Amino acid sequence: MSWLGKVVGGTLGFSVAGPLGAVIGGVIGNQFDKSRSSDPAQQMNSQEEKQMVFFVSTFSMLAKIAGADGKFLSSEKKVIEDFMDKSLRLDKESKEFAIDIFNKAGSKDTSFEEYAAQFYSYFKNERDILVEMIDIMLNLAASDDEYHSREEKFIKKACSIFNISEQQYDNLKAQYVAGAGLDKYYQILDLEPGSEFRKVKKRYREMAKEYHPDNIIGKGLPDEFVDFAEEKFKKIQNAYEEIKKAEESGAGA
């Protein structure tokens, strides 16, 4: 993340305000004031700002989900660490920054909804990125083989803020929680189980284009989250192939 070293080092200014700006400022401390340079050449460009907002939003919202019951268990800590190490493959500097963001956001009085609303204000015209954020939350929430009601409460709040329908939420959730048989493959493609194959084919083409790695990179996400999105692209491809195989064998009829 090129923006991270520049911001922490005080050589790049940024203009993120609101609750996310407060979290960043709290983490960087005095460096925050130094970094707010008036020199346009040292200001963060729009792509760097979006990358930072995506990164900080992720760990701020996850902090609120993890602390929803007023405690942070060792099992939950391991889930967060595994997410950073295995899913995102963060380097040492990025991981330390993520942990600082997580701790700072979790200790603030700012609500989950405030973080989610500011994230939405940046990405409201990029539905695939909004869906990706819900996917990240579900991936984390279900990674310890349990999906607690308190976690679902926050994720459903995010869906409401992001204007993601209950049906789409159910389809996303099914990829991680109690998915079974062919149904889960239809739900990965955001379709009703048993949908006609022509609809499957059309939806697959739409999603394959939407989540193609080149398109995701063009959205300006941090590199680490691009890797996560590429895994989703592979799941989309696999879901289509499984439904196609069942259709050809007559099982999907």
Protein backbone atom coordinates (compact mmCIF):
# COMPACT_ATOMS: atom_id res chain seq x y z
CA MET A 1 0.00 0.00 0.00
CA SER A 2 1.97 2.99 -1.25
CA TRP A 3 -0.27 5.46 0.60
CA LEU A 4 0.41 3.88 3.98
CA GLY A 5 4.13 4.61 4.16
CA LYS A 6 3.58 8.14 2.89
CA VAL A 7 0.84 8.98 5.39
CA VAL A 8 2.59 7.41 8.37
CA GLY A 9 5.81 9.11 7.34
CA GLY A 10 4.09 12.48 7.16
CA THR A 11 4.98 13.05 3.51
CA LEU A 12 1.47 12.85 2.08
CA GLY A 13 -1.56 14.88 3.08
CA PHE A 14 -5.15 13.64 3.10
CA SER A 15 -8.56 15.15 3.58
CA VAL A 16 -10.65 12.32 5.04
CA ALA A 17 -12.90 13.83 7.71
CA GLY A 18 -15.68 12.32 9.82
CA PRO A 19 -15.35 9.19 11.97
CA LEU A 20 -12.79 7.53 9.67
CA GLY A 21 -10.60 10.62 9.72
CA ALA A 22 -10.78 10.62 13.51
CA VAL A 23 -9.65 6.99 13.63
CA ILE A 24 -6.73 7.66 11.29
CA GLY A 25 -5.74 10.74 13.27
CA GLY A 26 -5.90 8.81 16.52
CA VAL A 27 -3.62 6.10 15.13
CA ILE A 28 -1.08 8.38 13.47
CA GLY A 29 -1.11 10.91 16.31
CA ASN A 30 1.15 13.88 15.77
CA GLN A 31 2.00 12.62 12.32
CA PHE A 32 -1.60 13.40 11.36
CA ASP A 33 -1.03 17.14 11.71
CA LYS A 34 2.29 16.97 9.91
CA SER A 35 0.72 15.09 7.02
CA ARG A 36 -1.91 17.73 6.30
CA SER A 37 0.36 19.56 3.90
CA SER A 38 -0.99 22.53 1.94
CA ASP A 39 1.31 21.65 -0.97
CA PRO A 40 -0.95 20.15 -3.72
CA ALA A 41 1.96 17.99 -4.89
CA GLN A 42 1.96 16.27 -1.51
CA GLN A 43 -1.78 15.69 -1.26
CA MET A 44 -3.29 12.23 -1.57
CA ASN A 45 -4.86 11.57 -4.98
CA SER A 46 -8.40 10.20 -5.29
CA GLN A 47 -7.33 6.59 -5.79
CA GLU A 48 -5.04 6.65 -2.76
CA GLU A 49 -7.82 8.18 -0.69
CA LYS A 50 -10.30 5.50 -1.78
CA GLN A 51 -7.78 2.78 -0.95
CA MET A 52 -7.25 4.24 2.49
CA VAL A 53 -10.99 4.63 3.14
CA PHE A 54 -11.62 1.02 2.09
CA PHE A 55 -8.85 -0.29 4.35
CA VAL A 56 -9.73 1.83 7.38
CA SER A 57 -13.48 1.20 6.96
CA THR A 58 -12.94 -2.56 6.88
CA PHE A 59 -11.06 -2.77 10.15
CA SER A 60 -13.23 -0.13 11.84
CA MET A 61 -16.44 -2.00 11.07
CA LEU A 62 -14.92 -5.37 11.94
CA ALA A 63 -13.85 -3.93 15.30
CA LYS A 64 -17.45 -3.00 16.08
CA ILE A 65 -18.72 -6.42 15.01
CA ALA A 66 -16.11 -8.17 17.16
CA GLY A 67 -16.97 -6.05 20.20
CA ALA A 68 -20.73 -6.14 19.79
CA ASP A 69 -21.22 -8.11 23.01
CA GLY A 70 -18.85 -5.94 25.03
CA LYS A 71 -15.94 -8.38 25.00
CA PHE A 72 -13.26 -9.54 22.59
CA LEU A 73 -12.50 -13.23 22.98
CA SER A 74 -9.18 -14.90 22.17
CA SER A 75 -10.97 -16.99 19.54
CA GLU A 76 -12.16 -13.80 17.85
CA LYS A 77 -8.64 -12.37 17.97
CA LYS A 78 -7.37 -15.45 16.17
CA VAL A 79 -10.03 -15.05 13.49
CA ILE A 80 -8.93 -11.44 12.90
CA GLU A 81 -5.26 -12.46 12.76
CA ASP A 82 -5.99 -15.31 10.35
CA PHE A 83 -7.99 -12.93 8.18
CA MET A 84 -5.02 -10.55 7.98
CA ASP A 85 -2.44 -13.29 7.50
CA LYS A 86 -4.24 -15.82 5.30
CA SER A 87 -7.03 -13.99 3.46
CA LEU A 88 -5.33 -10.63 2.92
CA ARG A 89 -1.69 -11.67 3.35
CA LEU A 90 -0.80 -8.31 4.87
CA ASP A 91 2.86 -7.42 5.24
CA LYS A 92 4.23 -6.47 8.67
CA GLU A 93 3.66 -2.71 8.31
CA SER A 94 0.14 -3.11 6.93
CA LYS A 95 -0.80 -5.61 9.63
CA GLU A 96 0.42 -3.32 12.41
CA PHE A 97 -1.58 -0.44 10.93
CA ALA A 98 -4.68 -2.65 10.61
CA ILE A 99 -4.39 -3.72 14.26
CA ASP A 100 -4.01 -0.10 15.35
CA ILE A 101 -7.09 0.88 13.33
CA PHE A 102 -9.02 -2.08 14.77
CA ASN A 103 -8.10 -1.17 18.36
CA LYS A 104 -8.71 2.56 17.95
CA ALA A 105 -12.09 2.16 16.19
CA GLY A 106 -13.23 -0.46 18.70
CA SER A 107 -12.49 1.82 21.66
CA LYS A 108 -14.29 4.88 20.25
CA ASP A 109 -17.92 5.75 20.96
CA THR A 110 -18.54 6.05 17.22
CA SER A 111 -21.21 3.58 16.14
CA PHE A 112 -20.93 0.87 13.52
CA GLU A 113 -23.57 2.68 11.48
CA GLU A 114 -21.46 5.85 11.33
CA TYR A 115 -18.50 3.97 9.89
CA ALA A 116 -20.77 2.15 7.44
CA ALA A 117 -22.45 5.38 6.35
CA GLN A 118 -19.14 7.08 5.62
CA PHE A 119 -17.97 4.06 3.65
CA TYR A 120 -21.21 4.21 1.65
CA SER A 121 -20.68 7.90 0.91
CA TYR A 122 -17.44 7.00 -0.89
CA PHE A 123 -18.65 3.90 -2.74
CA LYS A 124 -22.40 4.39 -3.22
CA ASN A 125 -22.05 4.31 -7.02
CA GLU A 126 -19.95 1.12 -7.01
CA ARG A 127 -22.31 -1.65 -6.02
CA ASP A 128 -19.76 -4.42 -6.51
CA ILE A 129 -17.53 -2.84 -3.86
CA LEU A 130 -20.47 -2.52 -1.44
CA VAL A 131 -21.24 -6.20 -1.98
CA GLU A 132 -17.55 -7.01 -1.53
CA MET A 133 -17.58 -5.34 1.89
CA ILE A 134 -20.57 -7.44 3.00
CA ASP A 135 -18.73 -10.49 1.69
CA ILE A 136 -15.68 -9.59 3.79
CA MET A 137 -17.83 -9.22 6.92
CA LEU A 138 -19.55 -12.56 6.33
CA ASN A 139 -16.25 -14.28 5.59
CA LEU A 140 -14.88 -13.09 8.89
CA ALA A 141 -18.05 -13.67 10.92
CA ALA A 142 -18.39 -17.27 9.75
CA SER A 143 -14.70 -18.19 9.72
CA ASP A 144 -14.84 -19.66 13.24
CA ASP A 145 -17.72 -21.95 12.13
CA GLU A 146 -20.23 -19.88 14.08
CA TYR A 147 -22.40 -17.02 12.91
CA HIS A 148 -23.65 -15.21 16.00
CA SER A 149 -26.86 -13.20 16.05
CA ARG A 150 -24.92 -10.11 17.19
CA GLU A 151 -22.68 -10.39 14.11
CA GLU A 152 -25.69 -10.79 11.86
CA LYS A 153 -27.34 -7.73 13.43
CA PHE A 154 -24.45 -5.49 12.38
CA ILE A 155 -24.09 -7.01 8.92
CA LYS A 156 -27.81 -6.54 8.29
CA LYS A 157 -27.43 -2.90 9.35
CA ALA A 158 -24.69 -2.53 6.77
CA CYS A 159 -26.94 -4.10 4.12
CA SER A 160 -29.63 -1.56 4.94
CA ILE A 161 -27.19 1.35 4.66
CA PHE A 162 -25.72 -0.04 1.42
CA ASN A 163 -29.20 -0.67 -0.06
CA ILE A 164 -28.55 -4.38 -0.43
CA SER A 165 -31.77 -6.39 -0.49
CA GLU A 166 -32.65 -9.12 1.96
CA GLN A 167 -32.63 -11.64 -0.88
CA GLN A 168 -29.13 -10.67 -1.91
CA TYR A 169 -28.00 -10.81 1.71
CA ASP A 170 -29.45 -14.32 2.03
CA ASN A 171 -27.59 -15.36 -1.12
CA LEU A 172 -24.31 -13.95 0.18
CA LYS A 173 -24.84 -15.52 3.59
CA ALA A 174 -25.52 -18.93 2.04
CA GLN A 175 -21.98 -18.97 0.66
CA TYR A 176 -20.66 -19.13 4.22
CA VAL A 177 -23.48 -20.43 6.40
CA ALA A 178 -25.24 -23.76 5.92
CA GLY A 179 -25.00 -23.81 2.16
CA ALA A 180 -25.83 -27.22 0.72
CA GLY A 181 -25.86 -28.97 -2.63
CA LEU A 182 -26.47 -27.07 -5.83
CA ASP A 183 -28.41 -24.35 -4.02
CA LYS A 184 -25.25 -22.66 -2.78
CA TYR A 185 -23.91 -22.39 -6.33
CA TYR A 186 -27.06 -20.62 -7.50
CA GLN A 187 -26.78 -18.29 -4.51
CA ILE A 188 -23.15 -17.45 -5.31
CA LEU A 189 -24.50 -16.21 -8.64
CA ASP A 190 -27.25 -14.31 -6.77
CA LEU A 191 -30.00 -16.45 -8.29
CA GLU A 192 -32.92 -18.43 -6.95
CA PRO A 193 -32.04 -22.14 -6.68
CA GLY A 194 -33.23 -24.01 -9.78
CA SER A 195 -33.22 -20.93 -12.06
CA GLU A 196 -33.28 -21.67 -15.78
CA PHE A 197 -29.84 -22.29 -17.22
CA ARG A 198 -30.15 -19.37 -19.65
CA LYS A 199 -30.49 -17.08 -16.63
CA VAL A 200 -27.51 -18.78 -14.99
CA LYS A 201 -25.42 -18.21 -18.10
CA LYS A 202 -26.43 -14.57 -18.37
CA ARG A 203 -25.79 -13.89 -14.70
CA TYR A 204 -22.45 -15.67 -14.81
CA ARG A 205 -21.29 -13.48 -17.70
CA GLU A 206 -22.38 -10.35 -15.83
CA MET A 207 -20.64 -11.33 -12.61
CA ALA A 208 -17.52 -12.64 -14.34
CA LYS A 209 -17.14 -9.26 -16.00
CA GLU A 210 -17.93 -7.37 -12.80
CA TYR A 211 -15.51 -9.33 -10.64
CA HIS A 212 -12.77 -9.94 -13.19
CA PRO A 213 -9.41 -9.13 -11.54
CA ASP A 214 -8.65 -6.42 -14.11
CA ASN A 215 -11.94 -4.68 -13.34
CA ILE A 216 -11.43 -4.94 -9.58
CA ILE A 217 -7.93 -3.49 -9.87
CA GLY A 218 -9.41 -0.62 -11.86
CA LYS A 219 -11.69 0.19 -8.91
CA GLY A 220 -8.66 1.25 -6.91
CA LEU A 221 -8.92 -1.24 -4.03
CA PRO A 222 -5.80 -1.91 -1.97
CA ASP A 223 -3.75 -4.76 -3.45
CA GLU A 224 -4.47 -7.00 -0.48
CA PHE A 225 -8.22 -6.75 -1.04
CA VAL A 226 -7.78 -7.38 -4.76
CA ASP A 227 -6.39 -10.80 -3.80
CA PHE A 228 -9.52 -11.40 -1.71
CA ALA A 229 -11.74 -10.33 -4.63
CA GLU A 230 -9.90 -12.70 -6.97
CA GLU A 231 -10.96 -15.56 -4.73
CA LYS A 232 -14.56 -14.47 -5.21
CA PHE A 233 -14.02 -14.49 -8.99
CA LYS A 234 -12.84 -18.10 -8.73
CA LYS A 235 -15.93 -19.00 -6.68
CA ILE A 236 -18.14 -17.48 -9.39
CA GLN A 237 -16.41 -19.52 -12.07
CA ASN A 238 -16.68 -22.70 -10.01
CA ALA A 239 -20.37 -22.12 -9.27
CA TYR A 240 -21.15 -21.77 -12.97
CA GLU A 241 -19.20 -24.92 -13.84
CA GLU A 242 -20.98 -26.94 -11.13
CA ILE A 243 -24.43 -25.82 -12.31
CA LYS A 244 -23.47 -26.45 -15.93
CA LYS A 245 -22.24 -29.93 -15.05
CA ALA A 246 -25.50 -30.70 -13.25
CA GLU A 247 -27.52 -29.32 -16.17
CA GLU A 248 -25.66 -31.48 -18.68
CA SER A 249 -26.16 -34.56 -16.53
CA GLY A 250 -29.84 -33.80 -16.07
CA ALA A 251 -29.54 -33.19 -12.32
CA GLY A 252 -30.30 -29.49 -12.64
CA ALA A 253 -33.53 -30.01 -14.51
